[in-house]
Amino acid sequence: MTNIKSDKTNEIASKFLGKKVSGSECYDASLLVAVPRIENRRLYGIKNENLPFDGFDIWHAYEFSAMTENGLPVTRLMKMKYSCENDFLVESKSLKLYLNSFNMSRFGKNIEECLEICKNIIERDLSEKLQTSVSVNFLNKNSSRINIFENFKNIMDFVNEDDLKVEKFKEAPELLETEESDFLSEYFLMFDSLRSNCRVTHQPDFGDAYIYYKSKKHIKEDSLIRYLVSFRSEFHFHEECCEMIFKRLSDILDKEDEIFVCAMYTRRGGIDICPVRLSKNCTINPAENLLDITKFARCGIKQ
């Protein structure tokens, strides 16, 4: 599937990715790069004008820093959120370079004013670049720190490891198997060894996948493990992987079934990306705290 993808997305995304870039010593909004979502979505029958899911892309920038007018450094964890319904995602290295351009720039007479000015600038620049509303917040030691996904169980607890044999490492939806049930059941599953690769640099990205579904069908856990492992040699952005998993699950479940997928990737270069996708009829949202930009909500041992 990867081989037939257009080079257009890679061309746009590789403006900085895979290249030596010095960045900027002063604030520079031109560093931001917007990547269209449509090319990868087309491959999986996902239409921008009629998305089969709701959702958001959540970002944590752990090393944001700027200065006050007096040269006092101000450093915070920055959290931002924007809807998956827009046509673009922000390329991660461009975001890193853009945020780093604040490091030696001076804003405001004091710390509070500096952060407020930076928040307004970043929201404006990203909203214009991505053509959607972007929310930004700075977190400090007083921000709520909340664990999420407490109801989810490690999918390996449901299988016999000795019986698992994995042979496919390119995305293979044919591995997914279901069995019918007479009862409507809820499933809360976590897979802590998700790996994919950057579509431009081919550097590995690791994360945890959280999957909830409510259905009379039961997805056999061993088949779901094999499917998730099949991303190991795929080359996609994090957001694309999350949408691919959602789409494949929706293809094998019934139309009225509820589905939730969250891919919580570990941070690289001080930034992590946590895409969330859920069916429009989903009656619960396990990532509610993650979506709250006033809270620092993480989970798993990797953070």
C-alpha atoms as a PDB file:
ATOM      1  CA  MET A   1       0.000   0.000   0.000  1.00  0.00           C
ATOM      2  CA  THR A   2       2.833   2.371   0.827  1.00  0.00           C
ATOM      3  CA  ASN A   3       4.369   2.086  -2.634  1.00  0.00           C
ATOM      4  CA  ILE A   4       1.349   3.564  -4.450  1.00  0.00           C
ATOM      5  CA  LYS A   5       1.167   6.697  -2.335  1.00  0.00           C
ATOM      6  CA  SER A   6       1.654   9.984  -4.117  1.00  0.00           C
ATOM      7  CA  ASP A   7       4.926  11.811  -3.523  1.00  0.00           C
ATOM      8  CA  LYS A   8       3.097  15.123  -3.061  1.00  0.00           C
ATOM      9  CA  THR A   9       2.650  14.757   0.694  1.00  0.00           C
ATOM     10  CA  ASN A  10       6.269  13.672   1.129  1.00  0.00           C
ATOM     11  CA  GLU A  11       7.399  16.641  -0.963  1.00  0.00           C
ATOM     12  CA  ILE A  12       5.529  19.081   1.272  1.00  0.00           C
ATOM     13  CA  ALA A  13       6.532  17.379   4.527  1.00  0.00           C
ATOM     14  CA  SER A  14      10.217  17.155   3.613  1.00  0.00           C
ATOM     15  CA  LYS A  15      10.777  20.920   3.593  1.00  0.00           C
ATOM     16  CA  PHE A  16      12.677  20.442   6.879  1.00  0.00           C
ATOM     17  CA  LEU A  17      12.371  16.730   7.691  1.00  0.00           C
ATOM     18  CA  GLY A  18      15.564  14.803   7.032  1.00  0.00           C
ATOM     19  CA  LYS A  19      17.555  17.991   6.486  1.00  0.00           C
ATOM     20  CA  LYS A  20      20.023  19.965   8.573  1.00  0.00           C
ATOM     21  CA  VAL A  21      18.227  23.168   9.573  1.00  0.00           C
ATOM     22  CA  SER A  22      19.666  25.901  11.770  1.00  0.00           C
ATOM     23  CA  GLY A  23      16.289  27.357  12.711  1.00  0.00           C
ATOM     24  CA  SER A  24      15.816  30.982  13.676  1.00  0.00           C
ATOM     25  CA  GLU A  25      17.113  33.139  16.503  1.00  0.00           C
ATOM     26  CA  CYS A  26      13.906  35.193  16.450  1.00  0.00           C
ATOM     27  CA  TYR A  27      10.202  34.440  16.169  1.00  0.00           C
ATOM     28  CA  ASP A  28       9.393  33.185  12.658  1.00  0.00           C
ATOM     29  CA  ALA A  29       5.887  32.020  11.678  1.00  0.00           C
ATOM     30  CA  SER A  30       7.080  31.126   8.162  1.00  0.00           C
ATOM     31  CA  LEU A  31       8.699  27.976   9.566  1.00  0.00           C
ATOM     32  CA  LEU A  32       5.335  26.236   9.944  1.00  0.00           C
ATOM     33  CA  VAL A  33       4.467  23.594   7.340  1.00  0.00           C
ATOM     34  CA  ALA A  34       0.887  22.363   6.783  1.00  0.00           C
ATOM     35  CA  VAL A  35       0.525  18.855   5.313  1.00  0.00           C
ATOM     36  CA  PRO A  36      -2.727  17.851   3.566  1.00  0.00           C
ATOM     37  CA  ARG A  37      -4.515  14.867   5.064  1.00  0.00           C
ATOM     38  CA  ILE A  38      -6.365  13.928   1.890  1.00  0.00           C
ATOM     39  CA  GLU A  39      -3.802  11.752   0.100  1.00  0.00           C
ATOM     40  CA  ASN A  40      -3.533   9.093   2.784  1.00  0.00           C
ATOM     41  CA  ARG A  41      -7.264   9.246   3.504  1.00  0.00           C
ATOM     42  CA  ARG A  42      -8.069   8.540  -0.141  1.00  0.00           C
ATOM     43  CA  LEU A  43      -6.132   5.267   0.021  1.00  0.00           C
ATOM     44  CA  TYR A  44      -8.443   4.027   2.772  1.00  0.00           C
ATOM     45  CA  GLY A  45     -11.726   5.322   1.435  1.00  0.00           C
ATOM     46  CA  ILE A  46     -11.946   8.181   3.925  1.00  0.00           C
ATOM     47  CA  LYS A  47     -13.568  11.322   2.514  1.00  0.00           C
ATOM     48  CA  ASN A  48     -12.793  14.707   4.035  1.00  0.00           C
ATOM     49  CA  GLU A  49     -16.316  15.903   3.328  1.00  0.00           C
ATOM     50  CA  ASN A  50     -17.891  12.886   5.066  1.00  0.00           C
ATOM     51  CA  LEU A  51     -15.539  11.630   7.760  1.00  0.00           C
ATOM     52  CA  PRO A  52     -16.573   8.392   9.497  1.00  0.00           C
ATOM     53  CA  PHE A  53     -15.212   9.670  12.810  1.00  0.00           C
ATOM     54  CA  ASP A  54     -14.862  12.645  15.101  1.00  0.00           C
ATOM     55  CA  GLY A  55     -11.613  13.411  16.832  1.00  0.00           C
ATOM     56  CA  PHE A  56      -8.688  15.646  17.614  1.00  0.00           C
ATOM     57  CA  ASP A  57      -4.928  15.793  17.359  1.00  0.00           C
ATOM     58  CA  ILE A  58      -3.352  16.529  20.746  1.00  0.00           C
ATOM     59  CA  TRP A  59       0.221  17.761  20.982  1.00  0.00           C
ATOM     60  CA  HIS A  60       2.508  18.237  23.975  1.00  0.00           C
ATOM     61  CA  ALA A  61       5.602  20.423  23.526  1.00  0.00           C
ATOM     62  CA  TYR A  62       7.649  19.758  26.641  1.00  0.00           C
ATOM     63  CA  GLU A  63      10.352  22.349  26.049  1.00  0.00           C
ATOM     64  CA  PHE A  64       8.628  25.577  25.055  1.00  0.00           C
ATOM     65  CA  SER A  65      10.591  28.629  26.141  1.00  0.00           C
ATOM     66  CA  ALA A  66      10.566  32.383  25.520  1.00  0.00           C
ATOM     67  CA  MET A  67      11.747  35.453  27.403  1.00  0.00           C
ATOM     68  CA  THR A  68      10.219  38.522  28.982  1.00  0.00           C
ATOM     69  CA  GLU A  69      11.256  41.999  27.807  1.00  0.00           C
ATOM     70  CA  ASN A  70      13.833  41.993  30.638  1.00  0.00           C
ATOM     71  CA  GLY A  71      15.444  38.809  29.287  1.00  0.00           C
ATOM     72  CA  LEU A  72      13.980  36.507  31.973  1.00  0.00           C
ATOM     73  CA  PRO A  73      13.542  32.959  30.563  1.00  0.00           C
ATOM     74  CA  VAL A  74      10.042  31.483  30.752  1.00  0.00           C
ATOM     75  CA  THR A  75       9.746  27.715  30.200  1.00  0.00           C
ATOM     76  CA  ARG A  76       6.536  25.672  30.167  1.00  0.00           C
ATOM     77  CA  LEU A  77       4.949  22.523  28.828  1.00  0.00           C
ATOM     78  CA  MET A  78       2.687  23.631  25.975  1.00  0.00           C
ATOM     79  CA  LYS A  79      -0.428  21.639  25.100  1.00  0.00           C
ATOM     80  CA  MET A  80      -2.387  22.226  21.921  1.00  0.00           C
ATOM     81  CA  LYS A  81      -5.420  20.724  20.227  1.00  0.00           C
ATOM     82  CA  TYR A  82      -7.168  20.945  16.886  1.00  0.00           C
ATOM     83  CA  SER A  83      -9.923  18.996  15.161  1.00  0.00           C
ATOM     84  CA  CYS A  84      -9.297  16.177  12.694  1.00  0.00           C
ATOM     85  CA  GLU A  85     -12.090  17.628  10.558  1.00  0.00           C
ATOM     86  CA  ASN A  86      -9.760  20.195   9.018  1.00  0.00           C
ATOM     87  CA  ASP A  87      -7.812  19.479   5.819  1.00  0.00           C
ATOM     88  CA  PHE A  88      -4.308  19.819   7.246  1.00  0.00           C
ATOM     89  CA  LEU A  89      -1.992  18.588   9.974  1.00  0.00           C
ATOM     90  CA  VAL A  90       1.125  20.426  11.083  1.00  0.00           C
ATOM     91  CA  GLU A  91       4.445  18.764  10.250  1.00  0.00           C
ATOM     92  CA  SER A  92       6.215  18.039  13.526  1.00  0.00           C
ATOM     93  CA  LYS A  93       9.742  19.243  12.749  1.00  0.00           C
ATOM     94  CA  SER A  94       8.389  22.513  11.383  1.00  0.00           C
ATOM     95  CA  LEU A  95       6.441  22.938  14.622  1.00  0.00           C
ATOM     96  CA  LYS A  96       9.598  22.278  16.633  1.00  0.00           C
ATOM     97  CA  LEU A  97      11.553  24.858  14.626  1.00  0.00           C
ATOM     98  CA  TYR A  98       8.702  27.342  14.921  1.00  0.00           C
ATOM     99  CA  LEU A  99       8.435  26.926  18.707  1.00  0.00           C
ATOM    100  CA  ASN A 100      12.222  27.128  19.053  1.00  0.00           C
ATOM    101  CA  SER A 101      12.107  30.498  17.287  1.00  0.00           C
ATOM    102  CA  PHE A 102      10.479  31.853  20.462  1.00  0.00           C
ATOM    103  CA  ASN A 103      13.524  30.899  22.591  1.00  0.00           C
ATOM    104  CA  MET A 104      15.451  34.157  22.134  1.00  0.00           C
ATOM    105  CA  SER A 105      12.420  36.359  21.469  1.00  0.00           C
ATOM    106  CA  ARG A 106      11.078  38.760  24.103  1.00  0.00           C
ATOM    107  CA  PHE A 107       7.402  39.217  24.921  1.00  0.00           C
ATOM    108  CA  GLY A 108       5.690  41.046  27.786  1.00  0.00           C
ATOM    109  CA  LYS A 109       6.736  42.814  30.940  1.00  0.00           C
ATOM    110  CA  ASN A 110       6.404  39.738  33.181  1.00  0.00           C
ATOM    111  CA  ILE A 111       6.006  35.951  33.009  1.00  0.00           C
ATOM    112  CA  GLU A 112       2.203  35.983  32.934  1.00  0.00           C
ATOM    113  CA  GLU A 113       2.109  38.576  30.160  1.00  0.00           C
ATOM    114  CA  CYS A 114       4.808  36.740  28.193  1.00  0.00           C
ATOM    115  CA  LEU A 115       2.827  33.493  28.239  1.00  0.00           C
ATOM    116  CA  GLU A 116      -0.423  35.210  27.286  1.00  0.00           C
ATOM    117  CA  ILE A 117       1.209  36.935  24.301  1.00  0.00           C
ATOM    118  CA  CYS A 118       2.871  33.695  23.166  1.00  0.00           C
ATOM    119  CA  LYS A 119      -0.416  31.786  23.502  1.00  0.00           C
ATOM    120  CA  ASN A 120      -2.230  34.334  21.335  1.00  0.00           C
ATOM    121  CA  ILE A 121       0.526  34.346  18.712  1.00  0.00           C
ATOM    122  CA  ILE A 122       0.721  30.548  18.469  1.00  0.00           C
ATOM    123  CA  GLU A 123      -3.049  30.130  18.283  1.00  0.00           C
ATOM    124  CA  ARG A 124      -3.226  32.757  15.545  1.00  0.00           C
ATOM    125  CA  ASP A 125      -0.342  31.369  13.479  1.00  0.00           C
ATOM    126  CA  LEU A 126      -1.433  27.725  13.663  1.00  0.00           C
ATOM    127  CA  SER A 127      -5.104  28.513  13.069  1.00  0.00           C
ATOM    128  CA  GLU A 128      -4.182  30.468   9.936  1.00  0.00           C
ATOM    129  CA  LYS A 129      -1.765  27.811   8.695  1.00  0.00           C
ATOM    130  CA  LEU A 130      -4.053  24.827   9.320  1.00  0.00           C
ATOM    131  CA  GLN A 131      -7.245  26.717   8.435  1.00  0.00           C
ATOM    132  CA  THR A 132      -8.961  25.609  11.629  1.00  0.00           C
ATOM    133  CA  SER A 133      -9.327  26.691  15.238  1.00  0.00           C
ATOM    134  CA  VAL A 134      -6.286  25.702  17.319  1.00  0.00           C
ATOM    135  CA  SER A 135      -6.364  25.829  21.126  1.00  0.00           C
ATOM    136  CA  VAL A 136      -3.160  26.340  23.125  1.00  0.00           C
ATOM    137  CA  ASN A 137      -2.442  26.289  26.843  1.00  0.00           C
ATOM    138  CA  PHE A 138       0.694  26.393  28.989  1.00  0.00           C
ATOM    139  CA  LEU A 139       0.867  23.965  31.898  1.00  0.00           C
ATOM    140  CA  ASN A 140       2.883  24.373  35.080  1.00  0.00           C
ATOM    141  CA  LYS A 141       3.391  22.510  38.352  1.00  0.00           C
ATOM    142  CA  ASN A 142      -0.082  23.561  39.517  1.00  0.00           C
ATOM    143  CA  SER A 143      -1.872  22.071  36.490  1.00  0.00           C
ATOM    144  CA  SER A 144      -3.999  18.997  37.085  1.00  0.00           C
ATOM    145  CA  ARG A 145      -2.104  15.783  36.377  1.00  0.00           C
ATOM    146  CA  ILE A 146      -4.520  13.012  35.577  1.00  0.00           C
ATOM    147  CA  ASN A 147      -4.063   9.373  34.640  1.00  0.00           C
ATOM    148  CA  ILE A 148      -6.285   8.195  31.809  1.00  0.00           C
ATOM    149  CA  PHE A 149      -7.423   4.905  30.294  1.00  0.00           C
ATOM    150  CA  GLU A 150      -7.657   3.196  33.687  1.00  0.00           C
ATOM    151  CA  ASN A 151     -10.314   0.765  32.400  1.00  0.00           C
ATOM    152  CA  PHE A 152      -8.121  -0.544  29.605  1.00  0.00           C
ATOM    153  CA  LYS A 153      -6.426  -3.939  29.836  1.00  0.00           C
ATOM    154  CA  ASN A 154      -3.240  -4.995  28.129  1.00  0.00           C
ATOM    155  CA  ILE A 155      -4.290  -7.044  25.122  1.00  0.00           C
ATOM    156  CA  MET A 156      -1.480  -9.527  25.825  1.00  0.00           C
ATOM    157  CA  ASP A 157      -3.395 -10.626  28.929  1.00  0.00           C
ATOM    158  CA  PHE A 158      -6.022 -12.192  26.645  1.00  0.00           C
ATOM    159  CA  VAL A 159      -3.735 -14.400  24.570  1.00  0.00           C
ATOM    160  CA  ASN A 160      -1.201 -17.169  24.991  1.00  0.00           C
ATOM    161  CA  GLU A 161       2.125 -15.682  23.968  1.00  0.00           C
ATOM    162  CA  ASP A 162       3.441 -19.109  22.942  1.00  0.00           C
ATOM    163  CA  ASP A 163       0.685 -19.421  20.345  1.00  0.00           C
ATOM    164  CA  LEU A 164       1.419 -16.059  18.731  1.00  0.00           C
ATOM    165  CA  LYS A 165       3.425 -16.093  15.523  1.00  0.00           C
ATOM    166  CA  VAL A 166       3.801 -12.797  13.718  1.00  0.00           C
ATOM    167  CA  GLU A 167       4.957 -12.827  10.109  1.00  0.00           C
ATOM    168  CA  LYS A 168       3.605  -9.657   8.485  1.00  0.00           C
ATOM    169  CA  PHE A 169       5.134  -6.249   9.140  1.00  0.00           C
ATOM    170  CA  LYS A 170       3.375  -4.168   6.480  1.00  0.00           C
ATOM    171  CA  GLU A 171      -0.164  -3.074   7.312  1.00  0.00           C
ATOM    172  CA  ALA A 172      -2.300  -6.177   6.806  1.00  0.00           C
ATOM    173  CA  PRO A 173      -6.035  -5.746   7.550  1.00  0.00           C
ATOM    174  CA  GLU A 174      -6.719  -9.285   6.332  1.00  0.00           C
ATOM    175  CA  LEU A 175      -5.238 -10.467   9.646  1.00  0.00           C
ATOM    176  CA  LEU A 176      -8.255  -9.169  11.584  1.00  0.00           C
ATOM    177  CA  GLU A 177     -10.765 -11.854  12.559  1.00  0.00           C
ATOM    178  CA  THR A 178     -14.132 -11.567  14.277  1.00  0.00           C
ATOM    179  CA  GLU A 179     -16.607 -13.982  15.806  1.00  0.00           C
ATOM    180  CA  GLU A 180     -20.307 -13.433  16.377  1.00  0.00           C
ATOM    181  CA  SER A 181     -21.899 -13.117  19.795  1.00  0.00           C
ATOM    182  CA  ASP A 182     -25.494 -12.972  20.993  1.00  0.00           C
ATOM    183  CA  PHE A 183     -24.675 -10.159  23.385  1.00  0.00           C
ATOM    184  CA  LEU A 184     -23.631  -6.545  23.008  1.00  0.00           C
ATOM    185  CA  SER A 185     -20.288  -6.227  24.803  1.00  0.00           C
ATOM    186  CA  GLU A 186     -17.721  -3.531  25.518  1.00  0.00           C
ATOM    187  CA  TYR A 187     -14.004  -4.062  25.021  1.00  0.00           C
ATOM    188  CA  PHE A 188     -11.215  -1.871  26.457  1.00  0.00           C
ATOM    189  CA  LEU A 189      -7.841  -2.884  25.051  1.00  0.00           C
ATOM    190  CA  MET A 190      -4.320  -1.461  25.186  1.00  0.00           C
ATOM    191  CA  PHE A 191      -1.334  -2.468  23.065  1.00  0.00           C
ATOM    192  CA  ASP A 192       1.949  -1.062  24.376  1.00  0.00           C
ATOM    193  CA  SER A 193       4.242  -1.943  21.471  1.00  0.00           C
ATOM    194  CA  LEU A 194       2.864   0.038  18.560  1.00  0.00           C
ATOM    195  CA  ARG A 195       5.620   1.014  16.153  1.00  0.00           C
ATOM    196  CA  SER A 196       5.465   2.833  12.857  1.00  0.00           C
ATOM    197  CA  ASN A 197       7.973   4.989  10.995  1.00  0.00           C
ATOM    198  CA  CYS A 198       8.107   8.586   9.817  1.00  0.00           C
ATOM    199  CA  ARG A 199       7.027   8.632   6.189  1.00  0.00           C
ATOM    200  CA  VAL A 200       9.882  11.005   5.244  1.00  0.00           C
ATOM    201  CA  THR A 201      12.889  10.214   7.475  1.00  0.00           C
ATOM    202  CA  HIS A 202      11.904   6.560   8.121  1.00  0.00           C
ATOM    203  CA  GLN A 203      12.877   7.015  11.773  1.00  0.00           C
ATOM    204  CA  PRO A 204      10.898   4.739  14.131  1.00  0.00           C
ATOM    205  CA  ASP A 205       8.029   6.061  16.255  1.00  0.00           C
ATOM    206  CA  PHE A 206       6.826   4.124  19.289  1.00  0.00           C
ATOM    207  CA  GLY A 207       3.546   4.429  21.148  1.00  0.00           C
ATOM    208  CA  ASP A 208       0.611   2.834  22.945  1.00  0.00           C
ATOM    209  CA  ALA A 209      -2.632   2.087  21.116  1.00  0.00           C
ATOM    210  CA  TYR A 210      -5.903   2.323  23.083  1.00  0.00           C
ATOM    211  CA  ILE A 211      -8.921   0.710  21.467  1.00  0.00           C
ATOM    212  CA  TYR A 212     -12.498   0.625  22.695  1.00  0.00           C
ATOM    213  CA  TYR A 213     -15.407  -0.912  20.832  1.00  0.00           C
ATOM    214  CA  LYS A 214     -18.971  -1.896  21.664  1.00  0.00           C
ATOM    215  CA  SER A 215     -20.395  -4.603  19.461  1.00  0.00           C
ATOM    216  CA  LYS A 216     -21.998  -8.023  19.188  1.00  0.00           C
ATOM    217  CA  LYS A 217     -18.912  -8.958  17.237  1.00  0.00           C
ATOM    218  CA  HIS A 218     -15.754  -9.927  19.040  1.00  0.00           C
ATOM    219  CA  ILE A 219     -12.429  -9.116  17.420  1.00  0.00           C
ATOM    220  CA  LYS A 220     -10.112 -11.987  18.255  1.00  0.00           C
ATOM    221  CA  GLU A 221      -7.328 -10.510  20.338  1.00  0.00           C
ATOM    222  CA  ASP A 222      -4.563 -12.545  18.713  1.00  0.00           C
ATOM    223  CA  SER A 223      -5.634 -11.257  15.304  1.00  0.00           C
ATOM    224  CA  LEU A 224      -5.726  -7.660  16.571  1.00  0.00           C
ATOM    225  CA  ILE A 225      -2.204  -8.025  17.955  1.00  0.00           C
ATOM    226  CA  ARG A 226      -0.932  -9.350  14.633  1.00  0.00           C
ATOM    227  CA  TYR A 227      -2.626  -6.479  12.837  1.00  0.00           C
ATOM    228  CA  LEU A 228      -1.164  -3.793  15.112  1.00  0.00           C
ATOM    229  CA  VAL A 229       2.298  -5.350  14.792  1.00  0.00           C
ATOM    230  CA  SER A 230       1.925  -5.150  11.003  1.00  0.00           C
ATOM    231  CA  PHE A 231       2.498  -1.381  11.290  1.00  0.00           C
ATOM    232  CA  ARG A 232       6.087  -2.075  12.304  1.00  0.00           C
ATOM    233  CA  SER A 233       7.452  -1.443   8.799  1.00  0.00           C
ATOM    234  CA  GLU A 234       4.847   1.115   7.708  1.00  0.00           C
ATOM    235  CA  PHE A 235       5.825   4.706   6.905  1.00  0.00           C
ATOM    236  CA  HIS A 236       3.105   7.114   8.014  1.00  0.00           C
ATOM    237  CA  PHE A 237       2.497  10.101  10.233  1.00  0.00           C
ATOM    238  CA  HIS A 238       1.012   9.318  13.645  1.00  0.00           C
ATOM    239  CA  GLU A 239      -2.353  10.792  12.705  1.00  0.00           C
ATOM    240  CA  GLU A 240      -2.512   8.615   9.605  1.00  0.00           C
ATOM    241  CA  CYS A 241      -1.813   5.431  11.577  1.00  0.00           C
ATOM    242  CA  CYS A 242      -4.612   6.225  14.031  1.00  0.00           C
ATOM    243  CA  GLU A 243      -7.084   6.790  11.193  1.00  0.00           C
ATOM    244  CA  MET A 244      -5.977   3.632   9.401  1.00  0.00           C
ATOM    245  CA  ILE A 245      -6.577   1.537  12.531  1.00  0.00           C
ATOM    246  CA  PHE A 246      -9.993   3.139  13.033  1.00  0.00           C
ATOM    247  CA  LYS A 247     -10.991   2.530   9.410  1.00  0.00           C
ATOM    248  CA  ARG A 248      -9.943  -1.124   9.433  1.00  0.00           C
ATOM    249  CA  LEU A 249     -11.905  -1.757  12.645  1.00  0.00           C
ATOM    250  CA  SER A 250     -14.982  -0.014  11.273  1.00  0.00           C
ATOM    251  CA  ASP A 251     -14.735  -2.169   8.133  1.00  0.00           C
ATOM    252  CA  ILE A 252     -15.058  -5.420  10.098  1.00  0.00           C
ATOM    253  CA  LEU A 253     -17.561  -4.259  12.727  1.00  0.00           C
ATOM    254  CA  ASP A 254     -21.203  -3.321  12.166  1.00  0.00           C
ATOM    255  CA  LYS A 255     -22.237   0.176  11.135  1.00  0.00           C
ATOM    256  CA  GLU A 256     -23.991   0.902  14.429  1.00  0.00           C
ATOM    257  CA  ASP A 257     -21.057  -0.234  16.597  1.00  0.00           C
ATOM    258  CA  GLU A 258     -19.128   2.246  18.719  1.00  0.00           C
ATOM    259  CA  ILE A 259     -15.382   2.575  18.116  1.00  0.00           C
ATOM    260  CA  PHE A 260     -12.629   4.603  19.774  1.00  0.00           C
ATOM    261  CA  VAL A 261      -8.934   4.648  18.861  1.00  0.00           C
ATOM    262  CA  CYS A 262      -6.153   6.681  20.455  1.00  0.00           C
ATOM    263  CA  ALA A 263      -2.461   6.389  19.560  1.00  0.00           C
ATOM    264  CA  MET A 264      -0.294   7.911  22.277  1.00  0.00           C
ATOM    265  CA  TYR A 265       3.147   8.204  20.779  1.00  0.00           C
ATOM    266  CA  THR A 266       6.263   8.878  22.835  1.00  0.00           C
ATOM    267  CA  ARG A 267       7.943  12.218  22.337  1.00  0.00           C
ATOM    268  CA  ARG A 268      10.732  12.919  19.880  1.00  0.00           C
ATOM    269  CA  GLY A 269      12.570  16.220  19.855  1.00  0.00           C
ATOM    270  CA  GLY A 270      10.589  17.374  22.872  1.00  0.00           C
ATOM    271  CA  ILE A 271       7.194  16.932  21.172  1.00  0.00           C
ATOM    272  CA  ASP A 272       4.628  14.140  21.202  1.00  0.00           C
ATOM    273  CA  ILE A 273       1.507  13.655  19.089  1.00  0.00           C
ATOM    274  CA  CYS A 274      -1.595  11.907  20.439  1.00  0.00           C
ATOM    275  CA  PRO A 275      -4.332  11.516  17.791  1.00  0.00           C
ATOM    276  CA  VAL A 276      -7.832  10.501  18.914  1.00  0.00           C
ATOM    277  CA  ARG A 277     -10.553   9.167  16.603  1.00  0.00           C
ATOM    278  CA  LEU A 278     -14.004   7.963  17.638  1.00  0.00           C
ATOM    279  CA  SER A 279     -17.180   7.006  15.844  1.00  0.00           C
ATOM    280  CA  LYS A 280     -19.808   9.705  15.647  1.00  0.00           C
ATOM    281  CA  ASN A 281     -22.211   7.543  17.674  1.00  0.00           C
ATOM    282  CA  CYS A 282     -19.711   6.823  20.456  1.00  0.00           C
ATOM    283  CA  THR A 283     -21.463   7.338  23.801  1.00  0.00           C
ATOM    284  CA  ILE A 284     -18.242   7.455  25.831  1.00  0.00           C
ATOM    285  CA  ASN A 285     -14.967   9.259  25.289  1.00  0.00           C
ATOM    286  CA  PRO A 286     -12.149   7.627  27.265  1.00  0.00           C
ATOM    287  CA  ALA A 287      -9.805  10.456  26.213  1.00  0.00           C
ATOM    288  CA  GLU A 288     -11.922  13.237  27.713  1.00  0.00           C
ATOM    289  CA  ASN A 289      -9.128  14.297  30.079  1.00  0.00           C
ATOM    290  CA  LEU A 290      -6.563  14.142  27.296  1.00  0.00           C
ATOM    291  CA  LEU A 291      -8.685  16.536  25.257  1.00  0.00           C
ATOM    292  CA  ASP A 292      -8.845  19.038  28.123  1.00  0.00           C
ATOM    293  CA  ILE A 293      -5.946  21.409  27.429  1.00  0.00           C
ATOM    294  CA  THR A 294      -5.956  22.631  31.043  1.00  0.00           C
ATOM    295  CA  LYS A 295      -4.886  19.181  32.276  1.00  0.00           C
ATOM    296  CA  PHE A 296      -1.717  17.184  31.882  1.00  0.00           C
ATOM    297  CA  ALA A 297      -3.141  13.769  31.095  1.00  0.00           C
ATOM    298  CA  ARG A 298      -0.698  11.011  30.226  1.00  0.00           C
ATOM    299  CA  CYS A 299      -0.420   7.312  30.862  1.00  0.00           C
ATOM    300  CA  GLY A 300       1.937   4.420  30.320  1.00  0.00           C
ATOM    301  CA  ILE A 301       5.505   3.810  31.451  1.00  0.00           C
ATOM    302  CA  LYS A 302       7.126   5.442  28.434  1.00  0.00           C
ATOM    303  CA  GLN A 303       6.502   9.023  29.580  1.00  0.00           C
END
